[in-house]
Protein backbone atom coordinates (compact mmCIF):
# COMPACT_ATOMS: atom_id res chain seq x y z
CA MET A 1 1.12 -23.39 13.20
CA SER A 2 2.81 -23.76 9.86
CA LEU A 3 2.64 -20.92 7.27
CA GLU A 4 0.66 -23.13 4.96
CA GLN A 5 -1.94 -23.88 7.74
CA LEU A 6 -2.03 -20.23 8.60
CA ILE A 7 -2.83 -19.28 4.92
CA GLU A 8 -5.47 -21.96 4.77
CA ASN A 9 -7.04 -20.60 8.08
CA CYS A 10 -6.98 -17.10 6.65
CA LYS A 11 -8.88 -18.31 3.60
CA ILE A 12 -11.74 -19.26 5.78
CA ASN A 13 -11.70 -15.90 7.56
CA ASP A 14 -10.26 -17.11 10.88
CA THR A 15 -9.60 -13.84 12.68
CA GLN A 16 -6.94 -15.39 14.89
CA ALA A 17 -5.06 -16.53 11.84
CA GLN A 18 -5.47 -13.12 10.27
CA SER A 19 -4.06 -11.50 13.33
CA GLU A 20 -1.08 -13.94 13.31
CA LEU A 21 -0.40 -13.18 9.68
CA TYR A 22 -0.47 -9.48 10.41
CA LYS A 23 2.09 -9.96 13.24
CA LEU A 24 4.30 -12.03 11.03
CA PHE A 25 4.40 -9.72 8.03
CA SER A 26 3.29 -6.22 9.09
CA SER A 27 6.82 -4.75 9.65
CA LYS A 28 8.15 -5.91 6.29
CA LEU A 29 5.04 -4.73 4.40
CA PHE A 30 5.06 -1.38 6.37
CA SER A 31 8.52 -0.67 5.08
CA ILE A 32 7.12 -1.11 1.52
CA CYS A 33 4.18 1.19 2.32
CA LEU A 34 6.53 3.71 3.85
CA LYS A 35 8.63 3.78 0.68
CA TYR A 36 5.59 4.52 -1.51
CA SER A 37 3.81 6.88 0.82
CA ARG A 38 4.09 10.61 1.42
CA ASN A 39 4.57 10.21 5.18
CA TYR A 40 4.37 7.76 8.16
CA THR A 41 0.65 8.28 8.80
CA GLU A 42 -0.25 7.62 5.16
CA ALA A 43 1.96 4.50 5.25
CA GLU A 44 -0.06 3.20 8.20
CA ASP A 45 -3.23 3.76 6.24
CA ASN A 46 -1.80 2.07 3.26
CA LEU A 47 -0.72 -0.96 5.33
CA GLN A 48 -4.21 -1.33 6.68
CA ASP A 49 -5.67 -1.14 3.19
CA ALA A 50 -3.04 -3.71 2.01
CA PHE A 51 -4.03 -6.14 4.74
CA LEU A 52 -7.67 -5.73 3.97
CA THR A 53 -6.95 -6.57 0.35
CA ILE A 54 -4.71 -9.48 1.41
CA TYR A 55 -7.50 -10.96 3.50
CA LYS A 56 -9.95 -10.50 0.74
CA LYS A 57 -7.69 -11.96 -1.95
CA ILE A 58 -5.81 -14.65 -0.04
CA GLU A 59 -8.04 -17.16 -1.75
CA GLN A 60 -6.26 -16.42 -4.95
CA TYR A 61 -2.87 -17.53 -3.53
CA LYS A 62 -2.33 -21.08 -4.84
CA HIS A 63 0.89 -21.94 -2.96
CA LYS A 64 3.00 -21.39 -6.05
CA GLY A 65 5.97 -19.16 -5.53
CA SER A 66 6.89 -17.23 -2.53
CA PHE A 67 3.96 -16.22 -0.24
CA GLU A 68 6.02 -13.20 0.99
CA GLY A 69 6.60 -12.18 -2.65
CA TRP A 70 2.77 -12.43 -3.24
CA LEU A 71 2.12 -10.31 -0.12
CA LYS A 72 4.60 -7.69 -1.36
CA ARG A 73 2.96 -7.54 -4.82
CA VAL A 74 -0.45 -7.18 -3.29
CA THR A 75 0.83 -4.39 -1.04
CA VAL A 76 2.55 -2.45 -3.85
CA ASN A 77 -0.55 -2.79 -6.11
CA THR A 78 -2.85 -1.64 -3.23
CA VAL A 79 -0.81 1.41 -2.59
CA LEU A 80 -0.51 2.18 -6.38
CA GLN A 81 -4.27 1.78 -6.83
CA ARG A 82 -4.77 4.65 -4.20
CA TYR A 83 -2.65 6.94 -6.38
CA ARG A 84 -4.34 5.83 -9.55
CA GLN A 85 -7.60 6.80 -8.07
CA GLU A 86 -6.19 10.15 -7.02
CA LYS A 87 -5.13 10.67 -10.65
CA VAL A 88 -1.63 11.89 -9.79
CA PHE A 89 -0.51 10.86 -13.26
CA GLU A 90 -2.78 13.08 -15.30
CA ILE A 91 -0.05 15.10 -17.00
CA ILE A 92 -1.01 17.66 -19.67
CA SER A 93 2.41 17.95 -21.27
CA GLU A 94 5.83 16.56 -20.45
CA ASP A 95 8.97 18.09 -21.78
CA VAL A 96 11.61 15.57 -22.61
CA VAL A 97 14.08 15.67 -19.69
CA GLU A 98 17.62 14.43 -19.76
CA ASP A 99 18.06 11.49 -17.42
CA VAL A 100 20.55 12.16 -14.61
CA GLU A 101 22.35 9.58 -12.56
CA ILE A 102 22.71 10.28 -8.87
CA GLU A 103 25.89 9.12 -7.09
CA ILE A 104 26.21 9.66 -3.40
CA ASP A 105 29.73 9.08 -2.11
CA ASP A 106 29.27 11.32 0.96
CA GLU A 107 29.11 9.55 4.23
CA SER A 108 27.35 12.49 5.80
CA ILE A 109 24.15 11.77 4.08
CA SER A 110 22.09 9.33 6.10
CA LEU A 111 19.64 6.67 4.77
CA ASP A 112 16.90 8.37 6.85
CA TYR A 113 17.60 11.62 5.06
CA LEU A 114 17.44 9.96 1.68
CA LEU A 115 14.14 8.27 2.53
CA GLN A 116 12.78 11.62 3.78
CA ILE A 117 13.63 13.50 0.48
CA ILE A 118 12.26 10.59 -1.61
CA GLN A 119 9.04 10.82 0.37
CA GLU A 120 8.93 14.52 -0.30
CA LEU A 121 8.91 14.01 -4.05
CA PRO A 122 5.62 14.64 -5.85
CA ASP A 123 3.56 11.47 -6.02
CA ARG A 124 4.13 10.63 -9.62
CA TYR A 125 7.90 11.12 -9.36
CA ARG A 126 8.16 9.28 -6.06
CA LEU A 127 6.20 6.25 -7.25
CA VAL A 128 8.20 5.97 -10.56
CA PHE A 129 11.51 6.46 -8.72
CA ASN A 130 10.77 3.78 -6.18
CA LEU A 131 9.43 1.32 -8.70
CA TYR A 132 12.41 1.75 -11.08
CA VAL A 133 15.33 2.44 -8.77
CA LEU A 134 14.53 0.69 -5.55
CA ASP A 135 12.38 -2.27 -6.85
CA GLY A 136 14.01 -2.78 -10.20
CA TYR A 137 10.83 -2.62 -12.42
CA SER A 138 11.30 -1.69 -16.15
CA HIS A 139 9.67 1.39 -17.58
CA ASN A 140 7.33 -0.96 -19.52
CA ASP A 141 6.19 -2.65 -16.25
CA ILE A 142 5.81 0.72 -14.51
CA ALA A 143 3.77 2.04 -17.42
CA ASN A 144 1.40 -1.02 -17.12
CA MET A 145 1.23 -0.82 -13.34
CA LEU A 146 0.43 2.91 -13.27
CA ASP A 147 -1.62 3.06 -16.44
CA ILE A 148 0.75 5.67 -17.95
CA ASN A 149 2.83 5.51 -21.10
CA ILE A 150 6.51 4.60 -21.12
CA GLY A 151 7.61 8.10 -22.01
CA THR A 152 5.88 9.50 -18.96
CA SER A 153 7.56 6.91 -16.76
CA LYS A 154 10.98 7.88 -18.16
CA SER A 155 10.25 11.55 -17.86
CA ASN A 156 9.04 11.26 -14.24
CA LEU A 157 12.12 9.27 -13.33
CA ALA A 158 14.38 11.85 -14.80
CA ARG A 159 12.55 14.65 -13.06
CA ALA A 160 12.69 12.72 -9.69
CA ARG A 161 16.40 12.27 -10.12
CA GLN A 162 16.85 15.98 -10.88
CA ILE A 163 14.92 17.08 -7.89
CA LEU A 164 16.82 14.60 -5.58
CA MET A 165 20.20 15.70 -7.00
CA LYS A 166 19.34 19.38 -6.43
CA THR A 167 18.15 18.66 -2.86
CA ILE A 168 21.22 16.69 -2.06
CA GLU A 169 23.54 19.46 -3.47
CA ASN A 170 21.67 22.09 -1.43
CA TYR A 171 22.12 19.88 1.65
CA LYS A 172 25.79 19.45 1.08
CA THR A 173 26.32 23.20 0.48
CA THR A 174 24.35 24.04 3.66
CA LYS A 175 26.29 21.49 5.68
CA SER A 176 29.63 22.70 4.42
CA LEU A 177 28.76 26.34 5.15
CA GLN A 178 27.77 25.34 8.64
CA SER A 179 31.15 23.68 9.27
CA LEU A 180 33.03 26.88 8.41
């Protein structure tokens, strides 16, 4: 069955087509959910919520642009909606924080470790960091997506980078002390 036919069958709530769509795209969408979630279990929940939203809104896909891109946007928006409902962005006051660039030139830091420490960031910092650094959204786009102001987006990114830099420095120090 072609992708176009699969989409059309999903539009009429064909459960076999929905199952096939899940099999085709669940691993790619799960990686997105994992990136924005606190942990593996929450990512699984977010993936299920994303597919429920996809099935409900698939009628809105008009075969213009990449279907996979549409799926990714729906998935990101579904996950972000969960955090908007939890009100993780209600910040009373934000100090202006100097933006810090993180450079990792150490081969001893694995991608798995980096993903782990990103997931351990507080929600508001993790979401802004992922949207800006990993997905390339502008602060204006992030502010609109998360219903926050641009300054909050910039401040949250700077704080995320500071936390990550400190965590990486501690990791390197611990690792170098262990090798002595």
